[in-house]
Amino acid sequence: MCRNIKQLYNFEPPATRGEVRAAALQFVRKLSGFNQPSAANAESFNCAVDEIAAASEKLLAKLKTNAPPKDRETERERQKERNRRRFGEKGTPSS
């Protein structure tokens, strides 16, 4: 699950609240072991996602770098190329 969390810092355009929340959700899922919490755990689960998303937004706002922002499209193409090399042209693991 956690490998789906993408780097969100130093991109142009900056990460959206939706992207930050999605990363927080993946983190809470990994930490708790629940993909979907039971009704008894839903409030705690959702509260944790909200708190982690808020903390993540604060962190991203306070970080500083001298590096130029990364371009989302360039990074997406690099990821596609890595996947092609790793899994072949169809994007599936070879046997």
Protein backbone atom coordinates (compact mmCIF):
# COMPACT_ATOMS: atom_id res chain seq x y z
CA MET A 1 0.00 0.00 0.00
CA CYS A 2 2.60 2.60 1.00
CA ARG A 3 4.46 2.38 -2.28
CA ASN A 4 1.44 4.15 -3.75
CA ILE A 5 2.22 7.27 -1.74
CA LYS A 6 3.92 9.69 -4.08
CA GLN A 7 6.30 12.48 -3.24
CA LEU A 8 4.24 15.66 -3.00
CA TYR A 9 6.86 18.29 -2.23
CA ASN A 10 8.51 20.66 -4.69
CA PHE A 11 6.23 20.17 -7.68
CA GLU A 12 4.79 22.71 -10.04
CA PRO A 13 1.87 23.02 -9.68
CA PRO A 14 1.93 22.25 -5.95
CA ALA A 15 0.15 19.25 -4.47
CA THR A 16 -3.59 19.63 -4.08
CA ARG A 17 -5.53 18.99 -0.89
CA GLY A 18 -6.94 15.90 -2.58
CA GLU A 19 -3.46 14.50 -3.22
CA VAL A 20 -2.41 15.18 0.37
CA ARG A 21 -5.57 13.53 1.69
CA ALA A 22 -5.07 10.50 -0.57
CA ALA A 23 -1.54 10.07 0.80
CA ALA A 24 -2.86 10.38 4.37
CA LEU A 25 -5.53 7.77 3.63
CA GLN A 26 -2.92 5.34 2.25
CA PHE A 27 -0.77 5.90 5.33
CA VAL A 28 -3.65 5.24 7.74
CA ARG A 29 -4.67 2.15 5.76
CA LYS A 30 -1.15 0.78 5.99
CA LEU A 31 -0.75 1.64 9.65
CA SER A 32 -4.12 0.23 10.71
CA GLY A 33 -4.24 -2.74 8.36
CA PHE A 34 -7.77 -1.74 7.30
CA ASN A 35 -8.70 -0.92 3.73
CA GLN A 36 -12.16 0.03 4.99
CA PRO A 37 -12.66 0.26 8.76
CA SER A 38 -15.63 -1.33 10.49
CA ALA A 39 -18.44 0.93 11.67
CA ALA A 40 -16.97 0.75 15.18
CA ASN A 41 -13.61 2.09 13.92
CA ALA A 42 -14.77 4.49 11.18
CA GLU A 43 -14.74 7.63 13.33
CA SER A 44 -11.22 6.98 14.64
CA PHE A 45 -9.99 6.03 11.17
CA ASN A 46 -11.41 9.16 9.52
CA CYS A 47 -10.16 11.39 12.34
CA ALA A 48 -6.64 9.99 11.85
CA VAL A 49 -6.82 10.66 8.09
CA ASP A 50 -7.92 14.25 8.75
CA GLU A 51 -5.17 14.84 11.33
CA ILE A 52 -2.43 13.36 9.16
CA ALA A 53 -3.60 15.32 6.12
CA ALA A 54 -3.54 18.56 8.17
CA ALA A 55 -0.07 17.81 9.52
CA SER A 56 1.14 16.95 6.02
CA GLU A 57 -0.19 20.23 4.61
CA LYS A 58 1.62 22.14 7.38
CA LEU A 59 4.82 20.27 6.65
CA LEU A 60 4.64 20.92 2.91
CA ALA A 61 3.99 24.63 3.56
CA LYS A 62 7.02 24.96 5.86
CA LEU A 63 9.61 23.01 3.84
CA LYS A 64 12.22 25.04 1.98
CA THR A 65 14.50 24.11 -0.91
CA ASN A 66 16.80 25.77 -3.41
CA ALA A 67 16.07 23.07 -6.00
CA PRO A 68 13.84 24.06 -8.90
CA PRO A 69 10.31 22.60 -8.77
CA LYS A 70 9.79 19.32 -10.58
CA ASP A 71 7.41 19.15 -13.51
CA ARG A 72 4.59 16.67 -12.93
CA GLU A 73 4.41 15.56 -16.57
CA THR A 74 8.17 14.92 -16.76
CA GLU A 75 8.05 12.86 -13.57
CA ARG A 76 5.03 10.91 -14.87
CA GLU A 77 6.92 10.05 -18.06
CA ARG A 78 9.96 8.94 -16.05
CA GLN A 79 7.73 6.64 -14.00
CA LYS A 80 6.16 5.17 -17.15
CA GLU A 81 9.62 4.50 -18.57
CA ARG A 82 10.75 2.81 -15.34
CA ASN A 83 7.62 0.63 -15.48
CA ARG A 84 8.27 -0.25 -19.14
CA ARG A 85 11.83 -1.34 -18.31
CA ARG A 86 10.68 -3.27 -15.27
CA PHE A 87 7.52 -4.92 -16.59
CA GLY A 88 7.79 -4.75 -20.35
CA GLU A 89 5.72 -2.85 -22.87
CA LYS A 90 2.29 -3.92 -21.53
CA GLY A 91 3.09 -2.81 -17.96
CA THR A 92 2.63 -6.26 -16.45
CA PRO A 93 5.32 -8.34 -14.77
CA SER A 94 6.93 -10.84 -17.10
CA SER A 95 6.88 -14.53 -16.12
